[in-house]
């Protein structure tokens, strides 16, 4: 899934809001949206590439004891539609 970073840079200039603040808000909102999807992993994080606009959800893989052993891409299919609605809410 990709986000148009040019739009966010425009908002940064128009609203005088740091891109770092916008990206953090988007990542948090998308993580909340991810947690509402069926089969979402409890330990996950969302990463937005500031250069390309690519969004990836990384879920933490754990062993039997619950110890983190790695991460894997768990971006849901159709997540772009959810992300668009979430991004709209963040802008407002």
N, C-alpha and C. Protein backbone atom coordinates (compact mmCIF):
# COMPACT_ATOMS: atom_id res chain seq x y z
N UNK A 1 0.84 -1.17 0.00
CA UNK A 1 0.00 0.00 0.00
C UNK A 1 0.89 1.23 0.00
N UNK A 2 0.50 2.25 -0.76
CA UNK A 2 1.27 3.48 -0.84
C UNK A 2 0.41 4.69 -0.52
N UNK A 3 1.04 5.69 0.09
CA UNK A 3 0.40 6.96 0.39
C UNK A 3 1.11 8.04 -0.41
N UNK A 4 0.36 8.98 -0.95
CA UNK A 4 0.94 10.08 -1.72
C UNK A 4 1.60 11.08 -0.76
N UNK A 5 2.92 11.03 -0.69
CA UNK A 5 3.65 11.89 0.25
C UNK A 5 3.61 13.36 -0.16
N UNK A 6 3.39 13.64 -1.44
CA UNK A 6 3.30 15.04 -1.88
C UNK A 6 2.14 15.74 -1.18
N UNK A 7 1.06 15.02 -1.00
CA UNK A 7 -0.11 15.57 -0.30
C UNK A 7 0.25 15.91 1.14
N UNK A 8 0.96 15.02 1.81
CA UNK A 8 1.34 15.26 3.20
C UNK A 8 2.33 16.42 3.32
N UNK A 9 3.20 16.56 2.33
CA UNK A 9 4.14 17.69 2.35
C UNK A 9 3.39 19.01 2.15
N UNK A 10 2.34 18.98 1.32
CA UNK A 10 1.51 20.16 1.13
C UNK A 10 0.80 20.53 2.43
N UNK A 11 0.26 19.54 3.12
CA UNK A 11 -0.39 19.79 4.42
C UNK A 11 0.62 20.33 5.41
N UNK A 12 1.84 19.79 5.36
CA UNK A 12 2.90 20.26 6.25
C UNK A 12 3.13 21.76 6.06
N UNK A 13 3.18 22.19 4.82
CA UNK A 13 3.41 23.62 4.54
C UNK A 13 2.19 24.48 4.87
N UNK A 14 1.01 24.02 4.45
CA UNK A 14 -0.21 24.81 4.65
C UNK A 14 -0.59 24.95 6.11
N UNK A 15 -0.47 23.87 6.86
CA UNK A 15 -0.90 23.86 8.26
C UNK A 15 0.24 24.10 9.25
N UNK A 16 1.47 24.17 8.69
CA UNK A 16 2.67 24.36 9.51
C UNK A 16 2.78 23.29 10.59
N UNK A 17 2.58 22.05 10.14
CA UNK A 17 2.72 20.89 11.01
C UNK A 17 3.89 20.07 10.50
N UNK A 18 4.79 19.71 11.38
CA UNK A 18 5.97 18.93 11.01
C UNK A 18 5.56 17.62 10.34
N UNK A 19 6.29 17.25 9.30
CA UNK A 19 6.02 15.98 8.63
C UNK A 19 6.21 14.82 9.60
N UNK A 20 7.15 14.95 10.52
CA UNK A 20 7.37 13.90 11.51
C UNK A 20 6.13 13.69 12.37
N UNK A 21 5.47 14.78 12.74
CA UNK A 21 4.24 14.70 13.54
C UNK A 21 3.13 14.05 12.72
N UNK A 22 3.01 14.45 11.45
CA UNK A 22 1.98 13.87 10.58
C UNK A 22 2.21 12.37 10.39
N UNK A 23 3.45 11.99 10.11
CA UNK A 23 3.76 10.58 9.87
C UNK A 23 3.49 9.76 11.13
N UNK A 24 3.88 10.27 12.29
CA UNK A 24 3.62 9.55 13.54
C UNK A 24 2.12 9.37 13.76
N UNK A 25 1.34 10.40 13.47
CA UNK A 25 -0.12 10.31 13.62
C UNK A 25 -0.71 9.30 12.65
N UNK A 26 -0.22 9.30 11.43
CA UNK A 26 -0.71 8.35 10.42
C UNK A 26 -0.36 6.92 10.84
N UNK A 27 0.88 6.70 11.28
CA UNK A 27 1.29 5.37 11.69
C UNK A 27 0.45 4.87 12.86
N UNK A 28 0.17 5.73 13.83
CA UNK A 28 -0.65 5.33 14.97
C UNK A 28 -2.08 5.01 14.54
N UNK A 29 -2.63 5.84 13.66
CA UNK A 29 -3.99 5.61 13.19
C UNK A 29 -4.08 4.32 12.37
N UNK A 30 -3.08 4.06 11.54
CA UNK A 30 -3.09 2.84 10.74
C UNK A 30 -2.89 1.61 11.62
N UNK A 31 -2.12 1.74 12.68
CA UNK A 31 -1.95 0.62 13.61
C UNK A 31 -3.29 0.31 14.29
N UNK A 32 -4.02 1.35 14.67
CA UNK A 32 -5.35 1.14 15.26
C UNK A 32 -6.28 0.46 14.25
N UNK A 33 -6.21 0.89 12.99
CA UNK A 33 -7.03 0.27 11.94
C UNK A 33 -6.62 -1.19 11.73
N UNK A 34 -5.33 -1.46 11.76
CA UNK A 34 -4.83 -2.83 11.61
C UNK A 34 -5.38 -3.72 12.73
N UNK A 35 -5.36 -3.22 13.96
CA UNK A 35 -5.83 -4.02 15.08
C UNK A 35 -7.32 -4.34 15.00
N UNK A 36 -8.06 -3.62 14.17
CA UNK A 36 -9.49 -3.91 13.98
C UNK A 36 -9.73 -4.92 12.86
N UNK A 37 -8.66 -5.35 12.17
CA UNK A 37 -8.82 -6.32 11.09
C UNK A 37 -8.79 -7.74 11.66
N UNK A 38 -9.53 -8.65 11.07
CA UNK A 38 -9.54 -10.04 11.55
C UNK A 38 -8.14 -10.66 11.45
N UNK A 39 -7.73 -11.36 12.49
CA UNK A 39 -6.45 -12.04 12.50
C UNK A 39 -5.25 -11.16 12.80
N UNK A 40 -5.50 -9.93 13.25
CA UNK A 40 -4.41 -9.00 13.55
C UNK A 40 -3.58 -9.52 14.72
N UNK A 41 -2.29 -9.34 14.60
CA UNK A 41 -1.37 -9.76 15.67
C UNK A 41 -1.34 -8.67 16.73
N UNK A 42 -1.23 -9.09 18.00
CA UNK A 42 -1.24 -8.13 19.10
C UNK A 42 -0.02 -7.21 19.08
N UNK A 43 1.14 -7.79 18.84
CA UNK A 43 2.37 -7.01 18.81
C UNK A 43 2.70 -6.69 17.36
N UNK A 44 2.49 -5.45 16.98
CA UNK A 44 2.72 -5.03 15.60
C UNK A 44 3.11 -3.56 15.59
N UNK A 45 3.65 -3.15 14.45
CA UNK A 45 3.97 -1.74 14.25
C UNK A 45 3.76 -1.42 12.78
N UNK A 46 3.48 -0.15 12.51
CA UNK A 46 3.29 0.32 11.14
C UNK A 46 4.46 1.22 10.79
N UNK A 47 5.00 1.02 9.60
CA UNK A 47 6.10 1.85 9.14
C UNK A 47 5.71 2.51 7.82
N UNK A 48 5.81 3.84 7.79
CA UNK A 48 5.54 4.61 6.58
C UNK A 48 6.88 5.13 6.07
N UNK A 49 7.25 4.72 4.87
CA UNK A 49 8.49 5.19 4.24
C UNK A 49 8.27 6.62 3.76
N UNK A 50 8.96 7.56 4.35
CA UNK A 50 8.76 8.98 4.05
C UNK A 50 9.14 9.34 2.62
N UNK A 51 9.98 8.55 1.99
CA UNK A 51 10.42 8.85 0.62
C UNK A 51 9.42 8.32 -0.41
N UNK A 52 9.01 7.06 -0.22
CA UNK A 52 8.16 6.42 -1.23
C UNK A 52 6.67 6.44 -0.89
N UNK A 53 6.35 6.61 0.39
CA UNK A 53 4.96 6.56 0.82
C UNK A 53 4.45 5.15 1.05
N UNK A 54 5.34 4.17 0.96
CA UNK A 54 4.96 2.78 1.15
C UNK A 54 4.66 2.51 2.63
N UNK A 55 3.53 1.84 2.88
CA UNK A 55 3.12 1.51 4.24
C UNK A 55 3.22 0.00 4.41
N UNK A 56 3.85 -0.41 5.51
CA UNK A 56 4.00 -1.83 5.82
C UNK A 56 3.64 -2.05 7.28
N UNK A 57 2.88 -3.11 7.54
CA UNK A 57 2.58 -3.52 8.91
C UNK A 57 3.52 -4.67 9.24
N UNK A 58 4.30 -4.49 10.27
CA UNK A 58 5.21 -5.54 10.74
C UNK A 58 4.65 -6.13 12.03
N UNK A 59 4.46 -7.44 12.05
CA UNK A 59 4.00 -8.13 13.26
C UNK A 59 5.19 -8.85 13.88
N UNK A 60 5.20 -8.92 15.19
CA UNK A 60 6.28 -9.58 15.91
C UNK A 60 5.97 -11.07 16.04
N UNK A 61 6.94 -11.87 15.62
CA UNK A 61 6.83 -13.32 15.75
C UNK A 61 7.46 -13.71 17.08
N UNK A 62 6.78 -14.56 17.83
CA UNK A 62 7.28 -14.98 19.14
C UNK A 62 7.41 -16.50 19.19
N UNK A 63 8.25 -16.97 20.11
CA UNK A 63 8.36 -18.42 20.32
C UNK A 63 7.31 -18.87 21.33
N UNK A 64 7.38 -20.11 21.75
CA UNK A 64 6.38 -20.67 22.67
C UNK A 64 6.34 -19.93 24.00
N UNK A 65 7.47 -19.35 24.42
CA UNK A 65 7.54 -18.64 25.70
C UNK A 65 7.10 -17.18 25.59
N UNK A 66 6.78 -16.73 24.36
CA UNK A 66 6.38 -15.34 24.16
C UNK A 66 7.55 -14.41 23.92
N UNK A 67 8.74 -14.97 23.75
CA UNK A 67 9.93 -14.17 23.48
C UNK A 67 9.96 -13.79 22.01
N UNK A 68 10.12 -12.49 21.71
CA UNK A 68 10.18 -12.08 20.30
C UNK A 68 11.38 -12.71 19.59
N UNK A 69 11.12 -13.27 18.41
CA UNK A 69 12.20 -13.88 17.64
C UNK A 69 12.36 -13.25 16.26
N UNK A 70 11.50 -12.34 15.90
CA UNK A 70 11.60 -11.68 14.61
C UNK A 70 10.32 -10.97 14.23
N UNK A 71 10.34 -10.39 13.04
CA UNK A 71 9.17 -9.68 12.52
C UNK A 71 8.86 -10.19 11.12
N UNK A 72 7.61 -10.06 10.73
CA UNK A 72 7.22 -10.40 9.37
C UNK A 72 6.19 -9.39 8.88
N UNK A 73 6.11 -9.26 7.56
CA UNK A 73 5.16 -8.34 6.93
C UNK A 73 3.76 -8.93 7.08
N UNK A 74 2.88 -8.21 7.76
CA UNK A 74 1.52 -8.67 7.98
C UNK A 74 0.50 -7.64 7.47
N UNK A 75 0.89 -6.92 6.42
CA UNK A 75 -0.01 -5.92 5.84
C UNK A 75 -1.21 -6.63 5.22
N UNK A 76 -2.42 -6.34 5.72
CA UNK A 76 -3.60 -7.02 5.19
C UNK A 76 -3.90 -6.63 3.74
N UNK A 77 -4.45 -7.56 2.98
CA UNK A 77 -4.88 -7.22 1.62
C UNK A 77 -6.09 -6.28 1.76
N UNK A 78 -6.18 -5.31 0.88
CA UNK A 78 -7.26 -4.34 0.96
C UNK A 78 -7.03 -3.28 2.02
N UNK A 79 -5.83 -3.24 2.57
CA UNK A 79 -5.54 -2.28 3.63
C UNK A 79 -5.50 -0.85 3.10
N UNK A 80 -5.31 -0.66 1.80
CA UNK A 80 -5.28 0.68 1.20
C UNK A 80 -6.59 1.43 1.41
N UNK A 81 -7.69 0.73 1.28
CA UNK A 81 -9.01 1.35 1.47
C UNK A 81 -9.17 1.78 2.92
N UNK A 82 -8.77 0.93 3.84
CA UNK A 82 -8.84 1.26 5.27
C UNK A 82 -7.93 2.44 5.57
N UNK A 83 -6.75 2.43 4.97
CA UNK A 83 -5.77 3.50 5.20
C UNK A 83 -6.29 4.83 4.70
N UNK A 84 -6.98 4.84 3.56
CA UNK A 84 -7.51 6.08 3.03
C UNK A 84 -8.53 6.70 3.99
N UNK A 85 -9.41 5.86 4.50
CA UNK A 85 -10.41 6.38 5.46
C UNK A 85 -9.75 6.85 6.74
N UNK A 86 -8.73 6.13 7.19
CA UNK A 86 -8.01 6.51 8.40
C UNK A 86 -7.26 7.83 8.19
N UNK A 87 -6.60 7.96 7.04
CA UNK A 87 -5.85 9.18 6.73
C UNK A 87 -6.79 10.39 6.69
N UNK A 88 -7.98 10.20 6.15
CA UNK A 88 -8.96 11.28 6.14
C UNK A 88 -9.29 11.73 7.55
N UNK A 89 -9.47 10.78 8.44
CA UNK A 89 -9.74 11.11 9.83
C UNK A 89 -8.59 11.83 10.50
N UNK A 90 -7.36 11.46 10.18
CA UNK A 90 -6.18 12.12 10.74
C UNK A 90 -6.11 13.56 10.27
N UNK A 91 -6.41 13.80 9.01
CA UNK A 91 -6.36 15.17 8.47
C UNK A 91 -7.37 16.05 9.18
N UNK A 92 -8.57 15.53 9.37
CA UNK A 92 -9.63 16.31 10.02
C UNK A 92 -9.26 16.57 11.46
